[in-house]
C-alpha cells in the first residue's frame, strides 16, 4: 500500500490513539505511517464485540437459571475460552466442563476455587456468587 493510501477513518475503536502501519513511499521503501482507523477494521471489531456481548448475556442467563455454574459466566466475562482457562488455571478441560454443572461446582474445594479465582482475576468470594460485573 502506498503511504498516501493509508486509511484515516477516525475509528472509535482506537480510543483516540493511532496505529502504526507499514506502507511504501515514493522510492518503494517501507516506512511507518500512523493511521487513525479503517472502516473495515472498525466493522470487524464492532462485530466481534457484539458477538462477545451475546455470549456473555447467554452465559449470564444460563447461570441465573441454574443451568450452569458461575464459573462459565466468569470465564466468558473475562473473554476466555475453555482452553485458555485450562492453561491459566492448570485444570484439565474435561474437569472445567464438569465444574460447569452447578451441583458439582457447589462442592469444589477452596483450593480449587482459589486456582480459578487467580486465573480469572477475581476474589474467591465473588466466584462463589453470581455478580453481573465482578
Protein backbone atom coordinates (compact mmCIF):
# COMPACT_ATOMS: atom_id res chain seq x y z
CA UNK A 1 0.00 0.00 0.00
CA UNK A 2 1.24 3.45 -0.84
CA UNK A 3 1.80 5.74 2.17
CA UNK A 4 -0.74 8.23 0.78
CA UNK A 5 -3.42 5.48 0.73
CA UNK A 6 -3.19 4.57 4.43
CA UNK A 7 -6.75 4.89 5.78
CA UNK A 8 -7.56 7.74 8.16
CA UNK A 9 -11.19 6.99 9.10
CA UNK A 10 -11.08 8.15 12.77
CA UNK A 11 -12.13 4.83 14.26
CA UNK A 12 -13.82 4.94 17.67
CA UNK A 13 -12.26 1.54 18.46
CA UNK A 14 -8.82 3.15 18.62
CA UNK A 15 -9.92 5.33 21.52
CA UNK A 16 -8.18 8.41 20.15
CA UNK A 17 -4.92 6.55 19.61
CA UNK A 18 -3.13 5.88 16.36
CA UNK A 19 -1.93 2.61 14.88
CA UNK A 20 1.39 2.14 13.13
CA UNK A 21 1.10 0.61 9.67
CA UNK A 22 3.79 0.00 7.10
CA UNK A 23 3.44 1.36 3.58
CA UNK A 24 5.73 2.15 0.69
CA UNK A 25 7.00 5.65 -0.01
CA UNK A 26 7.77 7.21 -3.40
CA UNK A 27 11.04 5.30 -3.73
CA UNK A 28 9.42 1.94 -2.88
CA UNK A 29 10.89 1.64 0.62
CA UNK A 30 8.72 0.57 3.53
CA UNK A 31 8.09 3.31 6.07
CA UNK A 32 5.97 3.52 9.19
CA UNK A 33 2.78 5.55 8.80
CA UNK A 34 0.24 6.19 11.55
CA UNK A 35 -3.46 5.63 10.94
CA UNK A 36 -6.47 6.90 12.89
CA UNK A 37 -8.54 3.94 11.80
CA UNK A 38 -10.01 1.97 8.97
CA UNK A 39 -13.73 1.48 8.40
CA UNK A 40 -13.41 -2.24 7.55
CA UNK A 41 -11.39 -2.89 10.70
CA UNK A 42 -13.90 -0.94 12.79
CA UNK A 43 -16.80 -3.01 11.43
CA UNK A 44 -14.97 -6.26 12.16
CA UNK A 45 -14.07 -5.14 15.70
CA UNK A 46 -17.63 -3.99 16.43
CA UNK A 47 -19.00 -7.28 15.10
CA UNK A 48 -16.63 -9.28 17.32
CA UNK A 49 -17.55 -7.19 20.37
CA UNK A 50 -21.27 -7.71 19.67
CA UNK A 51 -20.71 -11.46 19.50
CA UNK A 52 -18.82 -11.41 22.81
CA UNK A 53 -21.66 -9.44 24.42
CA UNK A 54 -24.19 -12.01 23.16
CA UNK A 55 -22.11 -14.88 24.52
CA UNK A 56 -21.78 -13.10 27.86
CA UNK A 57 -25.54 -12.50 28.07
CA UNK A 58 -26.30 -16.13 27.18
CA UNK A 59 -23.89 -17.38 29.87
CA UNK A 60 -25.47 -14.96 32.38
CA UNK A 61 -28.96 -16.27 31.60
CA UNK A 62 -27.84 -19.91 31.91
CA UNK A 63 -26.13 -19.19 35.23
CA UNK A 64 -29.15 -17.33 36.61
CA UNK A 65 -31.48 -20.19 35.62
CA UNK A 66 -29.20 -22.71 37.31
CA UNK A 67 -28.29 -24.45 34.05
CA UNK A 68 -24.59 -23.72 34.55
CA UNK A 69 -22.29 -22.61 37.34
CA UNK A 70 -20.99 -19.06 37.83
CA UNK A 71 -17.63 -20.35 36.59
CA UNK A 72 -18.84 -20.43 32.98
CA UNK A 73 -20.19 -16.87 33.21
CA UNK A 74 -16.96 -15.51 34.71
CA UNK A 75 -14.93 -17.36 32.06
CA UNK A 76 -16.93 -15.69 29.27
CA UNK A 77 -16.93 -12.35 31.13
CA UNK A 78 -13.12 -12.41 31.14
CA UNK A 79 -13.18 -13.23 27.40
CA UNK A 80 -11.64 -16.63 27.92
CA UNK A 81 -12.47 -19.94 26.34
CA UNK A 82 -12.14 -23.40 27.82
CA UNK A 83 -8.58 -23.89 26.54
CA UNK A 84 -7.35 -20.59 27.94
CA UNK A 85 -8.97 -21.13 31.35
CA UNK A 86 -7.44 -24.60 31.41
CA UNK A 87 -3.97 -23.24 30.68
CA UNK A 88 -4.13 -20.39 33.17
CA UNK A 89 -5.69 -22.40 36.00
CA UNK A 90 -3.85 -25.67 35.43
CA UNK A 91 -7.12 -27.62 35.43
CA UNK A 92 -7.90 -30.09 32.66
CA UNK A 93 -10.62 -29.03 30.21
CA UNK A 94 -12.79 -32.04 30.98
CA UNK A 95 -12.75 -31.09 34.67
CA UNK A 96 -13.68 -27.48 33.91
CA UNK A 97 -16.62 -28.67 31.78
CA UNK A 98 -17.64 -30.88 34.71
CA UNK A 99 -17.40 -27.88 37.06
CA UNK A 100 -19.93 -26.05 34.86
CA UNK A 101 -22.55 -28.31 36.47
CA UNK A 102 -23.97 -26.38 39.45
CA UNK A 103 -24.22 -29.41 41.78
CA UNK A 104 -20.57 -30.32 41.26
CA UNK A 105 -19.44 -26.69 41.38
CA UNK A 106 -21.09 -26.25 44.79
CA UNK A 107 -18.81 -28.96 46.23
CA UNK A 108 -15.49 -27.60 44.94
CA UNK A 109 -12.68 -27.19 47.45
CA UNK A 110 -11.38 -23.77 48.49
CA UNK A 111 -8.02 -24.66 46.96
CA UNK A 112 -9.56 -25.30 43.53
CA UNK A 113 -11.75 -22.20 43.76
CA UNK A 114 -8.61 -20.20 44.56
CA UNK A 115 -6.94 -21.51 41.40
CA UNK A 116 -9.94 -20.44 39.34
CA UNK A 117 -10.08 -17.06 41.11
CA UNK A 118 -6.41 -16.36 40.34
CA UNK A 119 -6.84 -17.37 36.69
CA UNK A 120 -9.93 -15.17 36.32
CA UNK A 121 -8.53 -12.24 38.29
CA UNK A 122 -11.37 -12.13 40.82
CA UNK A 123 -11.74 -12.89 44.51
CA UNK A 124 -12.80 -16.33 45.72
CA UNK A 125 -15.87 -14.91 47.47
CA UNK A 126 -17.07 -13.44 44.15
CA UNK A 127 -16.55 -16.79 42.45
CA UNK A 128 -18.97 -18.38 44.91
CA UNK A 129 -21.76 -16.00 43.91
CA UNK A 130 -23.09 -14.64 40.64
CA UNK A 131 -22.42 -10.95 40.07
CA UNK A 132 -23.05 -9.19 36.77
CA UNK A 133 -19.76 -7.25 36.98
CA UNK A 134 -17.26 -8.82 39.40
